[in-house]
Amino acid sequence: MDVVVIKYNAGNVYSVVNALRRLGVEPTLTDDAKQIMSADRVVFPGQGEAASAMAFLHGKGLDAVIKGLRQPVLGICIGQQLLCRHSEEGDTDCLGVFDVDVLKFRPERHEDKVPAMGWNSLHDMKSLLFDGLAEGVYAYFVHSYYVPICASTAATADYILPYSASLHKDNFYATQFHPEKSGDAGSVMIRNFIEKVKR
């Protein structure tokens, strides 16, 4: 299994590499378009800021590469957000795989802290990523922006308001949370992406 992790100017990439290694997968960390296009699985992870991340992808021509991928793709955290149409962060046009905009959390009460940081439960799980996991399983989140519930929502979470914890459309899967930091449940999700997801 040839698994590529896209290398770009977003943090937390190496924790994904290490999570794959714990599952016995030795991924290739690269920004080379040919390697990305020829991989069996592509992981698009990261923490960072939308405008600078998109500028890097555009400068390398990786925006068009990612949109054109036909093998299974897993976007994580900002990877999910960049797969959407537009982000309020930096008023940024993104990749447009998912036809939904990314919005900023707006606290409604004193106890609503942004970024949302910590463990939160997943509900209404609808994709093979979650095969074998029970409703309400916990995952680890760190984010100031969120994807509203939409036609591509594959799981929901609730912080300030209900939102998309995961998205799925065709061969594109994505999580707002970090499966690589979500303990045993996260390992199940990553293994499902490697072993069970076909498209």
C-alpha atoms as a PDB file:
ATOM      1  CA  MET A   1       0.000   0.000   0.000  1.00  0.00           C
ATOM      2  CA  ASP A   2       1.549   3.280  -1.175  1.00  0.00           C
ATOM      3  CA  VAL A   3       0.352   6.035   1.170  1.00  0.00           C
ATOM      4  CA  VAL A   4       1.356   9.662   0.605  1.00  0.00           C
ATOM      5  CA  VAL A   5       1.070  12.452   3.170  1.00  0.00           C
ATOM      6  CA  ILE A   6       1.004  15.823   1.433  1.00  0.00           C
ATOM      7  CA  LYS A   7       3.829  18.061   2.629  1.00  0.00           C
ATOM      8  CA  TYR A   8       2.971  21.756   2.736  1.00  0.00           C
ATOM      9  CA  ASN A   9       3.274  24.705   5.097  1.00  0.00           C
ATOM     10  CA  ALA A  10       0.892  23.389   7.728  1.00  0.00           C
ATOM     11  CA  GLY A  11       1.818  22.065  11.141  1.00  0.00           C
ATOM     12  CA  ASN A  12       1.168  18.673  12.700  1.00  0.00           C
ATOM     13  CA  VAL A  13       2.073  16.678   9.596  1.00  0.00           C
ATOM     14  CA  TYR A  14       4.555  14.469  11.429  1.00  0.00           C
ATOM     15  CA  SER A  15       2.015  13.291  14.002  1.00  0.00           C
ATOM     16  CA  VAL A  16       0.034  11.850  11.084  1.00  0.00           C
ATOM     17  CA  VAL A  17       3.161  10.172   9.711  1.00  0.00           C
ATOM     18  CA  ASN A  18       3.824   8.639  13.137  1.00  0.00           C
ATOM     19  CA  ALA A  19       0.223   7.459  13.485  1.00  0.00           C
ATOM     20  CA  LEU A  20       0.505   5.637  10.162  1.00  0.00           C
ATOM     21  CA  ARG A  21       3.790   4.075  11.218  1.00  0.00           C
ATOM     22  CA  ARG A  22       2.148   2.750  14.396  1.00  0.00           C
ATOM     23  CA  LEU A  23      -0.270   0.897  12.112  1.00  0.00           C
ATOM     24  CA  GLY A  24       2.584  -0.631  10.140  1.00  0.00           C
ATOM     25  CA  VAL A  25       2.340   1.783   7.207  1.00  0.00           C
ATOM     26  CA  GLU A  26       5.457   3.647   6.070  1.00  0.00           C
ATOM     27  CA  PRO A  27       4.082   6.723   4.289  1.00  0.00           C
ATOM     28  CA  THR A  28       5.854   9.038   1.876  1.00  0.00           C
ATOM     29  CA  LEU A  29       5.848  12.701   2.950  1.00  0.00           C
ATOM     30  CA  THR A  30       6.041  14.729  -0.254  1.00  0.00           C
ATOM     31  CA  ASP A  31       4.924  17.754  -2.251  1.00  0.00           C
ATOM     32  CA  ASP A  32       5.797  16.048  -5.536  1.00  0.00           C
ATOM     33  CA  ALA A  33       2.752  15.991  -7.815  1.00  0.00           C
ATOM     34  CA  LYS A  34       3.654  12.721  -9.549  1.00  0.00           C
ATOM     35  CA  GLN A  35       4.105  10.877  -6.268  1.00  0.00           C
ATOM     36  CA  ILE A  36       0.820  12.231  -4.961  1.00  0.00           C
ATOM     37  CA  MET A  37      -1.094  11.290  -8.105  1.00  0.00           C
ATOM     38  CA  SER A  38       0.318   7.749  -8.214  1.00  0.00           C
ATOM     39  CA  ALA A  39      -0.313   6.877  -4.547  1.00  0.00           C
ATOM     40  CA  ASP A  40      -2.922   4.337  -3.418  1.00  0.00           C
ATOM     41  CA  ARG A  41      -4.055   6.617  -0.588  1.00  0.00           C
ATOM     42  CA  VAL A  42      -3.472  10.340   0.002  1.00  0.00           C
ATOM     43  CA  VAL A  43      -3.625  12.067   3.396  1.00  0.00           C
ATOM     44  CA  PHE A  44      -4.016  15.866   3.441  1.00  0.00           C
ATOM     45  CA  PRO A  45      -3.444  16.890   7.075  1.00  0.00           C
ATOM     46  CA  GLY A  46      -2.370  19.965   8.966  1.00  0.00           C
ATOM     47  CA  GLN A  47      -2.939  22.797  11.359  1.00  0.00           C
ATOM     48  CA  GLY A  48      -2.479  26.308  10.103  1.00  0.00           C
ATOM     49  CA  GLU A  49      -4.035  29.316   8.409  1.00  0.00           C
ATOM     50  CA  ALA A  50      -6.170  28.965   5.310  1.00  0.00           C
ATOM     51  CA  ALA A  51      -4.854  31.828   3.146  1.00  0.00           C
ATOM     52  CA  SER A  52      -1.153  30.984   3.491  1.00  0.00           C
ATOM     53  CA  ALA A  53      -1.842  27.259   3.047  1.00  0.00           C
ATOM     54  CA  MET A  54      -3.802  27.866  -0.153  1.00  0.00           C
ATOM     55  CA  ALA A  55      -1.093  30.234  -1.441  1.00  0.00           C
ATOM     56  CA  PHE A  56       1.496  27.484  -0.956  1.00  0.00           C
ATOM     57  CA  LEU A  57      -0.662  24.868  -2.674  1.00  0.00           C
ATOM     58  CA  HIS A  58      -1.335  27.214  -5.594  1.00  0.00           C
ATOM     59  CA  GLY A  59       2.342  28.094  -5.928  1.00  0.00           C
ATOM     60  CA  LYS A  60       3.236  24.400  -6.193  1.00  0.00           C
ATOM     61  CA  GLY A  61       0.307  23.590  -8.484  1.00  0.00           C
ATOM     62  CA  LEU A  62      -1.000  21.210  -5.824  1.00  0.00           C
ATOM     63  CA  ASP A  63      -4.449  22.811  -5.714  1.00  0.00           C
ATOM     64  CA  ALA A  64      -5.269  21.366  -9.144  1.00  0.00           C
ATOM     65  CA  VAL A  65      -3.551  18.066  -8.291  1.00  0.00           C
ATOM     66  CA  ILE A  66      -5.605  17.530  -5.127  1.00  0.00           C
ATOM     67  CA  LYS A  67      -8.906  18.395  -6.809  1.00  0.00           C
ATOM     68  CA  GLY A  68      -8.135  15.925  -9.586  1.00  0.00           C
ATOM     69  CA  LEU A  69      -7.293  12.931  -7.382  1.00  0.00           C
ATOM     70  CA  ARG A  70      -9.345   9.772  -7.957  1.00  0.00           C
ATOM     71  CA  GLN A  71      -7.926   7.552  -5.222  1.00  0.00           C
ATOM     72  CA  PRO A  72      -9.164   7.819  -1.608  1.00  0.00           C
ATOM     73  CA  VAL A  73      -8.148  11.129   0.001  1.00  0.00           C
ATOM     74  CA  LEU A  74      -8.368  11.943   3.715  1.00  0.00           C
ATOM     75  CA  GLY A  75      -8.322  15.606   4.748  1.00  0.00           C
ATOM     76  CA  ILE A  76      -7.616  16.311   8.427  1.00  0.00           C
ATOM     77  CA  CYS A  77      -8.360  19.553  10.339  1.00  0.00           C
ATOM     78  CA  ILE A  78      -7.351  22.381   7.999  1.00  0.00           C
ATOM     79  CA  GLY A  79      -7.206  19.691   5.323  1.00  0.00           C
ATOM     80  CA  GLN A  80     -10.983  19.346   5.672  1.00  0.00           C
ATOM     81  CA  GLN A  81     -11.471  23.106   5.586  1.00  0.00           C
ATOM     82  CA  LEU A  82      -9.286  23.581   2.505  1.00  0.00           C
ATOM     83  CA  LEU A  83     -11.350  20.966   0.651  1.00  0.00           C
ATOM     84  CA  CYS A  84     -14.375  23.250   1.054  1.00  0.00           C
ATOM     85  CA  ARG A  85     -15.434  26.114  -1.227  1.00  0.00           C
ATOM     86  CA  HIS A  86     -14.401  29.183   0.778  1.00  0.00           C
ATOM     87  CA  SER A  87     -13.137  30.025   4.264  1.00  0.00           C
ATOM     88  CA  GLU A  88     -13.873  33.094   6.344  1.00  0.00           C
ATOM     89  CA  GLU A  89     -10.277  32.790   7.556  1.00  0.00           C
ATOM     90  CA  GLY A  90      -8.504  35.358   5.431  1.00  0.00           C
ATOM     91  CA  ASP A  91     -11.501  35.483   3.055  1.00  0.00           C
ATOM     92  CA  THR A  92      -9.917  32.565   1.212  1.00  0.00           C
ATOM     93  CA  ASP A  93     -11.136  30.687  -1.836  1.00  0.00           C
ATOM     94  CA  CYS A  94     -10.371  27.020  -1.235  1.00  0.00           C
ATOM     95  CA  LEU A  95     -10.425  23.836  -3.338  1.00  0.00           C
ATOM     96  CA  GLY A  96     -14.189  23.488  -3.739  1.00  0.00           C
ATOM     97  CA  VAL A  97     -14.409  19.698  -3.480  1.00  0.00           C
ATOM     98  CA  PHE A  98     -17.153  20.118  -0.888  1.00  0.00           C
ATOM     99  CA  ASP A  99     -19.776  22.691  -1.836  1.00  0.00           C
ATOM    100  CA  VAL A 100     -19.882  24.471   1.522  1.00  0.00           C
ATOM    101  CA  ASP A 101     -18.168  27.440   3.157  1.00  0.00           C
ATOM    102  CA  VAL A 102     -16.033  27.397   6.326  1.00  0.00           C
ATOM    103  CA  LEU A 103     -17.240  29.790   9.027  1.00  0.00           C
ATOM    104  CA  LYS A 104     -15.686  31.242  12.188  1.00  0.00           C
ATOM    105  CA  PHE A 105     -16.996  30.197  15.573  1.00  0.00           C
ATOM    106  CA  ARG A 106     -18.775  33.138  17.204  1.00  0.00           C
ATOM    107  CA  PRO A 107     -19.069  32.689  20.980  1.00  0.00           C
ATOM    108  CA  GLU A 108     -22.569  33.154  22.357  1.00  0.00           C
ATOM    109  CA  ARG A 109     -21.798  32.715  26.067  1.00  0.00           C
ATOM    110  CA  HIS A 110     -18.898  33.559  28.357  1.00  0.00           C
ATOM    111  CA  GLU A 111     -17.929  29.879  28.612  1.00  0.00           C
ATOM    112  CA  ASP A 112     -17.700  29.494  24.812  1.00  0.00           C
ATOM    113  CA  LYS A 113     -13.943  29.548  24.227  1.00  0.00           C
ATOM    114  CA  VAL A 114     -12.386  29.809  20.766  1.00  0.00           C
ATOM    115  CA  PRO A 115     -10.507  27.866  19.580  1.00  0.00           C
ATOM    116  CA  ALA A 116     -12.570  24.854  20.479  1.00  0.00           C
ATOM    117  CA  MET A 117      -9.966  22.580  21.988  1.00  0.00           C
ATOM    118  CA  GLY A 118     -10.320  19.115  23.484  1.00  0.00           C
ATOM    119  CA  TRP A 119     -12.397  15.964  23.280  1.00  0.00           C
ATOM    120  CA  ASN A 120     -15.870  15.993  21.769  1.00  0.00           C
ATOM    121  CA  SER A 121     -18.310  13.255  20.828  1.00  0.00           C
ATOM    122  CA  LEU A 122     -19.231  12.255  17.267  1.00  0.00           C
ATOM    123  CA  HIS A 123     -22.797  11.575  16.166  1.00  0.00           C
ATOM    124  CA  ASP A 124     -24.733  10.561  13.036  1.00  0.00           C
ATOM    125  CA  MET A 125     -21.652   8.810  11.610  1.00  0.00           C
ATOM    126  CA  LYS A 126     -22.242   7.783   7.997  1.00  0.00           C
ATOM    127  CA  SER A 127     -19.018   6.682   6.325  1.00  0.00           C
ATOM    128  CA  LEU A 128     -16.672   3.704   6.287  1.00  0.00           C
ATOM    129  CA  LEU A 129     -14.193   5.740   8.328  1.00  0.00           C
ATOM    130  CA  PHE A 130     -16.347   4.995  11.356  1.00  0.00           C
ATOM    131  CA  ASP A 131     -16.922   1.308  10.743  1.00  0.00           C
ATOM    132  CA  GLY A 132     -16.773  -0.558  14.069  1.00  0.00           C
ATOM    133  CA  LEU A 133     -17.158   2.574  16.231  1.00  0.00           C
ATOM    134  CA  ALA A 134     -20.117   3.297  18.493  1.00  0.00           C
ATOM    135  CA  GLU A 135     -22.318   6.376  18.327  1.00  0.00           C
ATOM    136  CA  GLY A 136     -20.938   9.075  20.589  1.00  0.00           C
ATOM    137  CA  VAL A 137     -17.300   8.020  20.323  1.00  0.00           C
ATOM    138  CA  TYR A 138     -14.885  10.782  21.324  1.00  0.00           C
ATOM    139  CA  ALA A 139     -12.317  12.488  19.103  1.00  0.00           C
ATOM    140  CA  TYR A 140      -9.811  15.284  19.669  1.00  0.00           C
ATOM    141  CA  PHE A 141     -10.455  18.737  18.157  1.00  0.00           C
ATOM    142  CA  VAL A 142      -8.510  22.022  17.908  1.00  0.00           C
ATOM    143  CA  HIS A 143     -10.163  24.626  15.668  1.00  0.00           C
ATOM    144  CA  SER A 144     -11.515  28.173  15.460  1.00  0.00           C
ATOM    145  CA  TYR A 145     -13.436  27.632  12.210  1.00  0.00           C
ATOM    146  CA  TYR A 146     -16.065  25.039  11.377  1.00  0.00           C
ATOM    147  CA  VAL A 147     -17.961  23.536   8.462  1.00  0.00           C
ATOM    148  CA  PRO A 148     -21.759  23.833   8.751  1.00  0.00           C
ATOM    149  CA  ILE A 149     -23.898  20.734   8.419  1.00  0.00           C
ATOM    150  CA  CYS A 150     -24.448  20.151   4.709  1.00  0.00           C
ATOM    151  CA  ALA A 151     -25.178  17.487   2.089  1.00  0.00           C
ATOM    152  CA  SER A 152     -21.658  16.036   2.504  1.00  0.00           C
ATOM    153  CA  THR A 153     -21.758  15.773   6.317  1.00  0.00           C
ATOM    154  CA  ALA A 154     -20.589  12.324   7.409  1.00  0.00           C
ATOM    155  CA  ALA A 155     -20.556  12.949  11.178  1.00  0.00           C
ATOM    156  CA  THR A 156     -21.579  15.795  13.458  1.00  0.00           C
ATOM    157  CA  ALA A 157     -20.280  17.348  16.662  1.00  0.00           C
ATOM    158  CA  ASP A 158     -21.635  20.177  18.803  1.00  0.00           C
ATOM    159  CA  TYR A 159     -19.721  23.173  20.127  1.00  0.00           C
ATOM    160  CA  ILE A 160     -21.633  26.466  20.282  1.00  0.00           C
ATOM    161  CA  LEU A 161     -23.769  24.923  17.489  1.00  0.00           C
ATOM    162  CA  PRO A 162     -23.971  21.608  15.622  1.00  0.00           C
ATOM    163  CA  TYR A 163     -21.421  21.361  12.795  1.00  0.00           C
ATOM    164  CA  SER A 164     -19.738  18.884  10.449  1.00  0.00           C
ATOM    165  CA  ALA A 165     -17.145  16.824  12.291  1.00  0.00           C
ATOM    166  CA  SER A 166     -16.554  14.830   9.094  1.00  0.00           C
ATOM    167  CA  LEU A 167     -17.345  15.131   5.389  1.00  0.00           C
ATOM    168  CA  HIS A 168     -17.548  12.580   2.581  1.00  0.00           C
ATOM    169  CA  LYS A 169     -18.093  12.974  -1.145  1.00  0.00           C
ATOM    170  CA  ASP A 170     -17.013  10.395  -3.727  1.00  0.00           C
ATOM    171  CA  ASN A 171     -13.354   9.523  -2.996  1.00  0.00           C
ATOM    172  CA  PHE A 172     -12.853  12.451  -0.611  1.00  0.00           C
ATOM    173  CA  TYR A 173     -13.128  11.893   3.142  1.00  0.00           C
ATOM    174  CA  ALA A 174     -12.360  14.524   5.758  1.00  0.00           C
ATOM    175  CA  THR A 175     -12.365  15.093   9.504  1.00  0.00           C
ATOM    176  CA  GLN A 176     -12.334  18.357  11.444  1.00  0.00           C
ATOM    177  CA  PHE A 177     -10.879  16.449  14.398  1.00  0.00           C
ATOM    178  CA  HIS A 178      -7.457  14.801  14.559  1.00  0.00           C
ATOM    179  CA  PRO A 179      -7.754  11.009  14.289  1.00  0.00           C
ATOM    180  CA  GLU A 180      -3.994  10.754  14.863  1.00  0.00           C
ATOM    181  CA  LYS A 181      -4.544  12.300  18.325  1.00  0.00           C
ATOM    182  CA  SER A 182      -7.814  10.488  19.101  1.00  0.00           C
ATOM    183  CA  GLY A 183      -6.471   7.354  20.762  1.00  0.00           C
ATOM    184  CA  ASP A 184      -7.782   3.909  19.864  1.00  0.00           C
ATOM    185  CA  ALA A 185     -10.839   5.293  18.064  1.00  0.00           C
ATOM    186  CA  GLY A 186      -8.628   7.431  15.849  1.00  0.00           C
ATOM    187  CA  SER A 187      -6.458   4.440  15.024  1.00  0.00           C
ATOM    188  CA  VAL A 188      -9.584   2.549  13.939  1.00  0.00           C
ATOM    189  CA  MET A 189     -10.510   5.426  11.621  1.00  0.00           C
ATOM    190  CA  ILE A 190      -7.068   5.596  10.047  1.00  0.00           C
ATOM    191  CA  ARG A 191      -6.994   1.822   9.596  1.00  0.00           C
ATOM    192  CA  ASN A 192     -10.448   1.964   8.017  1.00  0.00           C
ATOM    193  CA  PHE A 193      -9.196   4.569   5.566  1.00  0.00           C
ATOM    194  CA  ILE A 194      -6.216   2.417   4.655  1.00  0.00           C
ATOM    195  CA  GLU A 195      -7.972  -0.967   4.524  1.00  0.00           C
ATOM    196  CA  LYS A 196     -11.715  -0.508   3.946  1.00  0.00           C
ATOM    197  CA  VAL A 197     -12.223   2.649   1.916  1.00  0.00           C
ATOM    198  CA  LYS A 198     -12.119   1.832  -1.786  1.00  0.00           C
ATOM    199  CA  ARG A 199     -13.385   5.128  -3.190  1.00  0.00           C
END
